Protein backbone atom coordinates (compact mmCIF):
# COMPACT_ATOMS: atom_id res chain seq x y z
CA MET A 1 123.50 -20.55 192.77
CA ASN A 2 124.42 -17.40 191.28
CA LEU A 3 121.35 -15.69 193.37
CA VAL A 4 120.09 -16.43 196.77
CA LEU A 5 116.28 -16.42 196.01
CA LEU A 6 114.01 -15.79 199.46
CA GLN A 7 110.41 -16.11 199.61
CA PRO A 8 108.57 -12.89 200.47
CA GLU A 9 107.75 -14.07 204.04
CA GLU A 10 111.53 -15.16 204.38
CA CYS A 11 112.83 -11.75 203.95
CA ALA A 12 111.78 -10.35 207.36
CA HIS A 13 113.46 -13.44 209.41
CA PRO A 14 117.25 -15.15 209.83
CA LEU A 15 117.85 -17.71 207.30
CA PRO A 16 118.32 -21.32 209.43
CA LEU A 17 121.93 -22.48 209.24
CA ARG A 18 120.32 -25.91 208.05
CA ASP A 19 119.11 -24.43 205.12
CA PRO A 20 120.79 -25.52 201.86
CA ARG A 21 121.19 -21.52 200.89
CA ALA A 22 122.49 -20.64 204.38
CA GLN A 23 125.37 -23.37 203.77
CA HIS A 24 125.90 -22.36 199.89
CA VAL A 25 126.51 -18.51 201.63
CA ILE A 26 128.77 -19.51 204.32
CA GLU A 27 130.83 -22.90 202.73
CA VAL A 28 130.87 -21.97 198.93
CA LEU A 29 130.74 -17.99 199.29
CA ARG A 30 132.36 -18.07 202.19
CA CYS A 31 130.47 -15.02 203.83
CA GLY A 32 131.09 -14.15 207.39
CA CYS A 33 129.53 -11.59 209.42
CA GLY A 34 129.86 -8.17 207.32
CA ASP A 35 130.07 -9.76 204.02
CA SER A 36 127.72 -9.20 201.31
CA PHE A 37 126.14 -11.24 198.75
CA ASP A 38 123.71 -11.15 196.09
CA CYS A 39 120.20 -12.13 197.01
CA GLY A 40 116.85 -11.54 195.28
CA ARG A 41 112.92 -11.87 196.49
CA VAL A 42 110.94 -14.58 194.18
CA ASN A 43 109.08 -12.85 191.47
CA GLY A 44 110.49 -9.50 193.04
CA PRO A 45 113.65 -7.27 193.13
CA ARG A 46 117.00 -8.32 193.21
CA GLY A 47 119.42 -6.70 196.11
CA LYS A 48 122.39 -7.67 198.38
CA ALA A 49 122.18 -8.90 201.51
CA THR A 50 124.76 -8.56 204.36
CA ILE A 51 124.90 -10.56 207.16
CA VAL A 52 124.89 -8.71 210.36
CA ARG A 53 124.52 -11.39 212.84
CA MET A 54 124.97 -15.37 212.85
CA ASP A 55 123.73 -17.27 215.73
CA GLY A 56 121.51 -20.42 216.52
CA ALA A 57 118.45 -18.92 214.42
CA GLY A 58 120.74 -18.38 211.51
CA LEU A 59 121.89 -15.57 209.31
CA HIS A 60 120.68 -12.25 210.38
CA LEU A 61 120.57 -10.19 207.02
CA ASP A 62 120.15 -6.63 206.10
CA ILE A 63 118.90 -6.16 202.51
CA THR A 64 119.34 -3.38 200.15
CA TRP A 65 116.88 -3.84 197.37
CA GLN A 66 117.81 -2.52 193.99
CA ALA A 67 115.35 0.20 192.32
CA SER A 68 115.69 -1.51 188.51
CA PRO A 69 113.25 -4.37 188.37
CA PRO A 70 115.00 -7.66 187.06
CA PRO A 71 114.68 -8.68 183.28
CA ARG A 72 111.03 -9.58 181.95
CA LEU A 73 110.30 -13.14 181.01
CA ALA A 74 110.15 -13.81 177.17
CA PRO A 75 106.56 -13.74 175.87
CA LEU A 76 106.91 -17.31 174.93
CA THR A 77 105.03 -20.47 175.68
CA LEU A 78 106.07 -23.86 175.30
CA LEU A 79 103.75 -26.53 174.70
CA LEU A 80 105.33 -29.66 175.49
CA GLY A 81 104.15 -33.19 174.80
CA LEU A 82 104.85 -34.97 178.21
CA PRO A 83 108.05 -36.70 178.05
CA ARG A 84 109.90 -39.17 180.50
CA PRO A 85 110.51 -37.59 183.76
CA GLN A 86 114.23 -36.95 183.13
CA THR A 87 113.67 -35.06 180.20
CA VAL A 88 111.13 -32.99 181.93
CA ARG A 89 113.76 -32.25 184.17
CA LYS A 90 116.05 -31.14 181.87
CA ILE A 91 113.66 -29.24 179.73
CA VAL A 92 112.23 -27.14 183.25
CA SER A 93 115.83 -26.13 183.98
CA GLU A 94 116.87 -24.96 180.47
CA ALA A 95 113.92 -23.42 179.74
CA THR A 96 113.63 -21.41 182.72
CA THR A 97 117.34 -20.52 182.70
CA LEU A 98 116.71 -19.41 179.37
CA GLY A 99 113.92 -17.06 180.36
CA VAL A 100 110.74 -18.77 178.95
CA GLY A 101 107.43 -17.09 180.12
CA ARG A 102 105.15 -20.11 180.50
CA LEU A 103 105.61 -24.10 180.14
CA VAL A 104 102.53 -26.42 179.48
CA PHE A 105 102.91 -29.91 179.30
CA PHE A 106 100.11 -32.46 177.95
CA PRO A 107 99.82 -36.18 177.26
CA ALA A 108 100.76 -36.52 173.75
CA GLU A 109 99.29 -39.89 171.56
CA ARG A 110 102.81 -41.45 171.36
CA GLY A 111 103.71 -40.60 174.60
CA GLU A 112 103.93 -43.01 177.79
CA PRO A 113 100.82 -42.74 179.97
CA SER A 114 102.80 -43.50 183.20
CA TYR A 115 105.23 -40.56 182.67
CA GLY A 116 102.24 -38.43 184.15
CA GLN A 117 102.21 -40.71 187.29
CA SER A 118 106.12 -39.88 188.30
CA SER A 119 106.63 -38.46 191.91
CA LEU A 120 108.36 -35.27 189.78
CA TRP A 121 104.56 -33.96 189.68
CA HIS A 122 103.43 -34.06 193.16
CA SER A 123 106.78 -34.19 195.29
CA GLY A 124 107.69 -30.41 195.34
CA GLU A 125 110.94 -31.23 192.72
CA ILE A 126 109.60 -29.09 190.12
CA GLU A 127 109.21 -26.25 192.36
CA ARG A 128 112.42 -26.74 193.54
CA LEU A 129 113.85 -27.17 189.76
CA LEU A 130 112.09 -23.80 188.86
CA LEU A 131 113.82 -22.01 191.76
CA ALA A 132 117.26 -23.38 191.07
CA ALA A 133 117.18 -22.53 187.15
CA VAL A 134 115.81 -18.97 188.00
CA ALA A 135 118.81 -18.39 190.85
CA GLN A 136 121.19 -19.63 188.22
CA ALA A 137 119.97 -17.19 185.72
CA PHE A 138 120.48 -14.22 188.42
CA CYS A 139 116.79 -13.51 187.88
CA THR A 140 113.88 -13.60 190.12
CA ARG A 141 111.08 -14.15 187.69
CA MET A 142 109.26 -17.68 187.78
CA PRO A 143 107.81 -18.73 184.64
CA ALA A 144 104.17 -20.43 184.77
CA LEU A 145 104.26 -24.04 184.66
CA ASP A 146 100.80 -26.00 183.86
CA ARG A 147 99.55 -29.48 183.00
CA VAL A 148 96.61 -29.89 180.76
CA GLU A 149 94.56 -32.96 179.66
CA SER A 150 95.36 -32.79 176.09
CA LEU A 151 96.95 -30.96 173.38
CA ALA A 152 93.36 -29.53 172.21
CA HIS A 153 93.49 -27.91 175.83
CA ALA A 154 97.19 -26.59 175.47
CA LEU A 155 96.29 -25.14 172.40
CA GLU A 156 93.15 -23.57 173.83
CA ALA A 157 95.31 -21.87 176.37
CA THR A 158 97.58 -20.00 173.88
CA ALA A 159 94.41 -18.65 171.88
CA ASN A 160 95.43 -15.39 172.49
CA HIS A 161 99.12 -15.91 170.74
CA PRO A 162 99.12 -14.29 167.38
CA THR A 163 102.35 -16.32 166.46
CA ARG A 164 101.82 -20.45 166.86
CA LEU A 165 104.34 -22.85 165.71
CA ALA A 166 105.02 -26.28 166.03
CA LEU A 167 108.05 -28.12 165.37
CA ASP A 168 108.32 -31.22 163.34
CA ASN A 169 110.82 -33.18 161.38
CA TYR A 170 108.86 -34.56 158.75
CA GLU A 171 106.00 -32.60 157.38
CA ALA A 172 107.44 -29.05 158.00
CA THR A 173 108.89 -27.17 154.89
CA GLU A 174 110.31 -23.92 156.42
CA PRO A 175 112.81 -23.52 159.13
CA LEU A 176 112.02 -21.52 162.70
CA GLY A 177 114.98 -19.21 161.56
CA SER A 178 113.17 -17.69 158.75
CA CYS A 179 109.51 -18.42 159.34
CA PRO A 180 107.00 -15.35 159.52
CA LEU A 181 106.08 -14.21 162.91
CA ALA A 182 102.73 -12.38 163.70
CA GLY A 183 103.80 -10.68 166.98
CA ALA A 184 104.14 -11.74 170.50
CA PRO A 185 103.57 -13.51 172.55
CA ILE A 186 104.81 -16.65 170.58
CA ALA A 187 103.52 -20.23 171.59
CA LEU A 188 105.69 -23.24 170.24
CA ALA A 189 104.86 -26.61 170.50
CA LEU A 190 106.91 -29.88 170.72
CA GLY A 191 105.91 -33.32 170.24
CA PRO A 192 107.04 -36.37 172.70
CA GLU A 193 110.23 -38.61 172.05
CA ARG A 194 108.16 -40.12 169.27
CA GLY A 195 106.92 -37.29 167.61
CA TRP A 196 103.58 -36.07 166.47
CA SER A 197 100.68 -38.45 165.19
CA GLY A 198 98.88 -37.60 162.09
CA SER A 199 95.89 -36.38 164.03
CA GLU A 200 97.90 -34.35 166.37
CA ARG A 201 99.50 -32.55 162.89
CA ALA A 202 95.71 -32.01 161.90
CA LEU A 203 94.81 -30.35 165.18
CA LEU A 204 97.96 -28.33 165.06
CA ARG A 205 97.26 -27.13 161.52
CA GLN A 206 93.38 -26.35 162.86
CA GLY A 207 94.53 -24.66 165.41
CA GLY A 208 96.49 -22.02 163.46
CA CYS A 209 100.15 -23.47 163.97
CA GLN A 210 102.77 -23.66 161.15
CA LEU A 211 104.87 -26.67 161.08
CA VAL A 212 108.76 -25.43 161.07
CA HIS A 213 111.77 -27.32 161.44
CA LEU A 214 115.28 -26.95 162.97
CA GLY A 215 116.88 -28.68 159.99
CA ALA A 216 117.55 -32.43 158.92
CA ARG A 217 119.22 -33.48 162.01
CA VAL A 218 116.90 -35.07 164.52
CA LEU A 219 117.39 -33.57 168.04
CA ARG A 220 116.32 -34.80 171.58
CA MET A 221 113.57 -32.80 172.77
CA GLU A 222 115.49 -30.80 175.23
CA THR A 223 117.79 -29.94 172.79
CA ALA A 224 115.20 -28.84 170.31
CA CYS A 225 113.78 -26.78 173.13
CA CYS A 226 116.93 -24.92 173.82
CA ALA A 227 117.62 -24.51 170.10
CA GLY A 228 113.77 -23.45 169.42
CA VAL A 229 114.04 -20.84 172.31
CA SER A 230 117.43 -19.45 171.61
CA ILE A 231 116.12 -18.82 167.75
CA LEU A 232 113.13 -17.19 168.83
CA LYS A 233 114.41 -14.81 171.51
CA THR A 234 117.20 -13.79 168.78
CA ARG A 235 114.54 -13.09 166.70
CA MET A 236 112.41 -11.05 168.94
CA ALA A 237 115.08 -8.93 169.89
CA LEU A 238 115.47 -7.65 166.73
CA TRP A 239 111.87 -6.44 166.51
């Protein structure tokens, strides 16, 4: 936890001692009264929190907020054929740490329908993963995360993106590292573990997506996400 994140409504109240964040401050950072640590307000500024008192109510903090805003999220949307829950966890954590602006999950034709019934989606775990990844990145900005009904709906959600790409191992002829980019925001689509169906490839092409690849090696979905995002962020930084 590189940054202790606070919800806006928490900033004016003591941080309860049983809260994992308070335990991290006391046990890992070894902070006591008078000590300071890095904190941030979710989707707001970063700052320094000084412990002015510790009692039964928790850690009483005096926070000095930075005037400069935290880094913005990348103008990049990932369209993701719904994978198994453990892969979702990895993708959400890594893509958020890398600063992706939005993640859109959809059931793919070659995906397993039961993946969408996982408790991951309604237990609050996704929100906890997002917060942990944002804190790891020493940032406060939370990406948007959505689930839609189909690839067609995912493409509709990115209709205003001038650059639309889809990773594909089989029919793509141009590498992601050198394909033309029409500008930002950028949408990058990835199929599930078993790849795109023929009808999905046709839909991607009809939706203006260029099929691109990351080389001859077949990568796990979470690895392809990290590689694709890194390449695109590097290319955008050169604009």
